[in-house]
Protein backbone atom coordinates (compact mmCIF):
# COMPACT_ATOMS: atom_id res chain seq x y z
CA UNK A 1 89.32 140.32 109.17
CA UNK A 2 89.47 139.35 112.84
CA UNK A 3 93.02 138.93 114.06
CA UNK A 4 92.18 136.46 116.81
CA UNK A 5 90.58 133.26 115.48
CA UNK A 6 89.98 131.92 118.99
CA UNK A 7 86.58 133.63 119.25
CA UNK A 8 84.85 130.90 117.24
CA UNK A 9 84.93 127.12 117.05
CA UNK A 10 85.96 125.19 113.97
CA UNK A 11 86.18 121.42 114.35
CA UNK A 12 87.76 118.78 112.13
CA UNK A 13 85.85 115.49 112.51
CA UNK A 14 86.52 112.03 111.12
CA UNK A 15 82.99 110.81 110.38
CA UNK A 16 82.53 107.05 110.66
CA UNK A 17 80.36 105.03 108.34
CA UNK A 18 76.63 104.89 109.12
CA UNK A 19 76.58 108.21 110.99
CA UNK A 20 74.13 110.88 109.83
CA UNK A 21 75.43 114.39 109.23
CA UNK A 22 72.95 115.85 111.70
CA UNK A 23 72.47 116.03 115.45
CA UNK A 24 69.09 114.29 115.79
CA UNK A 25 67.26 111.39 114.18
CA UNK A 26 63.74 110.17 114.89
CA UNK A 27 64.70 106.61 113.95
CA UNK A 28 67.47 106.23 116.49
CA UNK A 29 70.35 106.08 114.03
CA UNK A 30 73.83 107.30 114.96
CA UNK A 31 74.20 111.09 114.70
CA UNK A 32 76.87 113.73 115.32
CA UNK A 33 75.69 114.26 118.90
CA UNK A 34 76.89 110.75 119.71
CA UNK A 35 80.47 111.91 119.07
CA UNK A 36 80.59 115.70 119.48
CA UNK A 37 79.62 117.41 122.74
CA UNK A 38 80.30 121.01 121.72
CA UNK A 39 77.47 123.57 121.97
CA UNK A 40 76.23 125.54 118.97
CA UNK A 41 78.36 123.93 116.26
CA UNK A 42 76.83 122.92 112.95
CA UNK A 43 78.18 120.83 110.03
CA UNK A 44 79.61 122.61 107.02
CA UNK A 45 78.01 120.67 104.18
CA UNK A 46 77.42 116.96 104.58
CA UNK A 47 78.66 113.46 103.93
CA UNK A 48 76.35 110.63 102.94
CA UNK A 49 75.37 108.08 105.56
CA UNK A 50 77.76 105.45 104.21
CA UNK A 51 80.60 107.88 103.41
CA UNK A 52 83.47 108.42 105.81
CA UNK A 53 86.14 110.96 106.55
CA UNK A 54 86.60 114.69 106.81
CA UNK A 55 83.69 116.80 108.05
CA UNK A 56 83.93 120.37 109.34
CA UNK A 57 81.72 121.90 112.01
CA UNK A 58 81.59 125.49 113.22
CA UNK A 59 79.60 127.89 115.36
CA UNK A 60 80.43 130.80 113.04
CA UNK A 61 77.50 131.01 110.65
CA UNK A 62 79.21 133.42 108.30
CA UNK A 63 81.85 130.80 107.43
CA UNK A 64 79.46 128.22 106.03
CA UNK A 65 78.53 129.86 102.74
CA UNK A 66 82.12 130.85 101.78
CA UNK A 67 83.35 127.33 102.45
CA UNK A 68 80.56 125.78 100.40
CA UNK A 69 80.55 128.24 97.52
CA UNK A 70 81.88 126.71 94.29
CA UNK A 71 85.04 128.05 92.75
CA UNK A 72 88.39 126.44 93.35
CA UNK A 73 87.53 124.57 96.57
CA UNK A 74 88.65 121.07 95.81
CA UNK A 75 87.46 117.93 97.56
CA UNK A 76 89.60 114.81 97.49
CA UNK A 77 88.27 111.30 98.05
CA UNK A 78 89.84 107.91 98.56
CA UNK A 79 87.61 105.52 96.63
CA UNK A 80 87.50 101.74 96.52
CA UNK A 81 85.67 100.59 93.40
CA UNK A 82 84.60 97.18 92.21
CA UNK A 83 86.56 95.99 89.21
CA UNK A 84 90.02 96.49 87.79
CA UNK A 85 90.01 100.05 86.49
CA UNK A 86 91.14 100.33 82.88
CA UNK A 87 92.90 103.27 81.28
CA UNK A 88 89.74 104.01 79.30
CA UNK A 89 87.59 104.10 82.43
CA UNK A 90 90.02 106.37 84.23
CA UNK A 91 90.13 108.69 81.24
CA UNK A 92 86.33 108.84 81.08
CA UNK A 93 86.15 109.53 84.83
CA UNK A 94 88.71 112.34 84.62
CA UNK A 95 86.92 113.90 81.64
CA UNK A 96 83.70 114.24 83.65
CA UNK A 97 81.01 111.65 82.86
CA UNK A 98 77.46 112.56 81.91
CA UNK A 99 75.00 112.15 84.80
CA UNK A 100 71.23 112.53 84.91
CA UNK A 101 71.61 116.09 86.19
CA UNK A 102 74.17 117.03 83.55
CA UNK A 103 77.83 116.53 82.72
CA UNK A 104 80.44 116.68 85.45
CA UNK A 105 83.37 119.01 85.34
CA UNK A 106 86.72 117.42 84.56
CA UNK A 107 88.45 116.09 87.65
CA UNK A 108 91.76 114.58 88.66
CA UNK A 109 91.95 110.81 89.02
CA UNK A 110 94.88 108.71 90.14
CA UNK A 111 94.99 104.95 90.57
CA UNK A 112 96.70 103.72 93.73
CA UNK A 113 98.76 100.57 94.23
CA UNK A 114 96.28 99.27 96.77
CA UNK A 115 94.59 100.09 100.04
CA UNK A 116 96.65 102.72 101.93
CA UNK A 117 98.45 101.42 105.02
CA UNK A 118 97.07 104.24 107.18
CA UNK A 119 93.42 103.42 106.45
CA UNK A 120 91.36 102.11 109.36
CA UNK A 121 89.13 99.02 109.04
CA UNK A 122 85.54 99.71 108.09
CA UNK A 123 82.69 98.57 110.28
CA UNK A 124 80.88 96.74 108.84
CA UNK A 125 83.57 95.53 106.42
CA UNK A 126 83.19 95.70 102.67
CA UNK A 127 81.57 92.62 101.17
CA UNK A 128 84.14 91.74 98.54
CA UNK A 129 83.38 89.20 95.82
CA UNK A 130 86.25 86.76 95.54
CA UNK A 131 85.92 86.54 91.77
CA UNK A 132 85.93 90.33 91.25
CA UNK A 133 89.03 92.48 91.88
CA UNK A 134 88.89 95.98 93.33
CA UNK A 135 90.77 99.19 92.57
CA UNK A 136 91.69 102.07 94.87
CA UNK A 137 91.50 105.57 93.41
CA UNK A 138 92.19 109.14 94.42
CA UNK A 139 89.50 111.42 92.96
CA UNK A 140 89.64 115.23 93.24
CA UNK A 141 86.53 117.20 92.28
CA UNK A 142 85.50 120.85 92.50
CA UNK A 143 81.73 120.35 92.52
CA UNK A 144 79.32 119.38 95.27
CA UNK A 145 76.43 117.42 93.80
CA UNK A 146 74.53 114.82 95.77
CA UNK A 147 76.43 111.51 95.86
CA UNK A 148 78.53 112.80 92.98
CA UNK A 149 81.61 110.60 93.23
CA UNK A 150 79.53 107.45 93.62
CA UNK A 151 77.49 108.36 90.55
CA UNK A 152 80.59 109.26 88.56
CA UNK A 153 82.32 105.94 89.17
CA UNK A 154 79.10 104.03 88.46
CA UNK A 155 78.73 105.91 85.16
CA UNK A 156 82.06 104.52 83.93
CA UNK A 157 81.33 100.99 85.14
CA UNK A 158 83.18 101.10 88.48
CA UNK A 159 80.69 100.88 91.37
CA UNK A 160 81.95 102.48 94.58
CA UNK A 161 82.42 100.10 97.51
CA UNK A 162 83.98 102.54 99.98
CA UNK A 163 84.32 106.34 99.98
CA UNK A 164 86.47 108.44 102.34
CA UNK A 165 86.83 112.22 102.03
CA UNK A 166 90.43 113.13 102.79
CA UNK A 167 90.55 116.81 101.85
CA UNK A 168 88.16 119.76 101.67
CA UNK A 169 89.49 123.15 100.51
CA UNK A 170 92.60 123.78 102.66
CA UNK A 171 91.61 121.21 105.30
CA UNK A 172 93.08 117.70 105.23
CA UNK A 173 92.00 114.71 107.27
CA UNK A 174 94.67 114.03 109.91
CA UNK A 175 95.84 110.47 109.32
CA UNK A 176 96.21 109.92 113.08
CA UNK A 177 92.62 110.98 113.82
CA UNK A 178 90.55 107.81 114.38
CA UNK A 179 86.96 107.53 113.16
CA UNK A 180 84.55 109.21 115.57
CA UNK A 181 87.19 111.61 116.91
CA UNK A 182 87.63 115.33 116.32
CA UNK A 183 90.14 118.10 116.89
CA UNK A 184 90.10 121.88 116.85
CA UNK A 185 91.22 123.53 113.63
CA UNK A 186 94.69 125.01 113.78
CA UNK A 187 95.20 128.75 113.83
CA UNK A 188 96.39 128.73 110.20
CA UNK A 189 93.31 126.74 109.14
CA UNK A 190 91.04 129.23 110.90
CA UNK A 191 92.80 132.19 109.35
CA UNK A 192 92.42 130.72 105.86
CA UNK A 193 88.71 130.14 106.52
CA UNK A 194 88.38 133.76 107.62
CA UNK A 195 90.18 134.84 104.45
CA UNK A 196 87.59 133.00 102.35
CA UNK A 197 84.84 134.62 104.38
CA UNK A 198 86.31 138.06 103.76
CA UNK A 199 86.71 137.46 100.03
CA UNK A 200 83.11 136.32 99.67
CA UNK A 201 81.70 139.36 101.44
CA UNK A 202 79.69 137.02 103.62
CA UNK A 203 80.92 138.69 106.78
CA UNK A 204 79.07 141.87 105.81
CA UNK A 205 75.82 140.10 104.95
CA UNK A 206 75.42 137.50 107.69
CA UNK A 207 76.07 137.46 111.44
CA UNK A 208 79.64 136.52 112.23
CA UNK A 209 79.05 135.15 115.71
CA UNK A 210 77.40 131.98 116.86
CA UNK A 211 74.56 133.96 118.41
CA UNK A 212 73.27 135.12 115.06
CA UNK A 213 74.53 132.30 112.93
CA UNK A 214 73.70 128.65 113.19
CA UNK A 215 71.22 126.79 115.32
CA UNK A 216 70.98 123.15 116.15
CA UNK A 217 69.07 120.85 118.41
CA UNK A 218 70.06 117.42 119.55
CA UNK A 219 71.32 115.07 122.17
CA UNK A 220 74.58 115.61 123.95
CA UNK A 221 77.47 113.40 122.91
CA UNK A 222 78.01 110.02 124.50
CA UNK A 223 81.24 108.81 122.90
CA UNK A 224 82.87 112.00 121.66
CA UNK A 225 86.32 113.17 122.65
CA UNK A 226 88.65 115.90 121.58
CA UNK A 227 91.80 115.06 119.63
CA UNK A 228 93.83 118.18 120.34
C-alpha cells in the first residue's frame, strides 16, 4: 500500500439538484464540469439527476471498483417522503420491500423529528401539498440499485420528495460544505480508500495512476471552487 496518499486526487463533492453525474451533456444541462475544474478526475458511482449530496471523484482508476464493490459499504440517505410514516410502513421499509428487480436487503430506517437544521434550501423548492404531511427519514442501505431508495419508499406507500446522500462507506458529507462545492479528501479518508483497494486486489489488476486509469472529456468548470 502506498504510504503517501498525496500522489492521487480524491474529491468530496456536494452535488446540487438537477446536476448530471457526468462532465458533458449534449442538451446543455448542468454537469460536473460547471463546478469542478480538476483535470482527470472521474465520479465514483453516480447520483440521480434530482438527488443531492455526497459524490466522490478521483483520478486513481484502481480505487473505483473497490469503492463500488458490494459488501459492507453502507450508504446513508436523508429522505423526505410524502405522508406521515406509520410504524407498519417503517417496518416494511426496514425489512426490504419487493421491487420489480427482486427483494431488497434489510436496511436501517429511522424517523426524524423534522427537517434537519443544517439542511440547505432546495432549488427549486419541494412542491408540498398543504393537505398532506411529510416525514423525514434516515435510510441506510448496503446495495446500489438504480434509484433504489426512491423505489423502496414508493413500494411502502411513501413517495420520495427529496433525497440527499449523507454518507458513503467511510466518507461523510461535511455539513459545512455548501451545494456545488468540493474539498480534498483527508489523509485518513485516502488511506482507508487505499486499504479497500488493497483488500480487493484491484491494485494488482488495474493501473493505479491516473495515466492508466480513468478518462473523461468535458468543459472546464465555471462556478467550481475548492473547500479545503
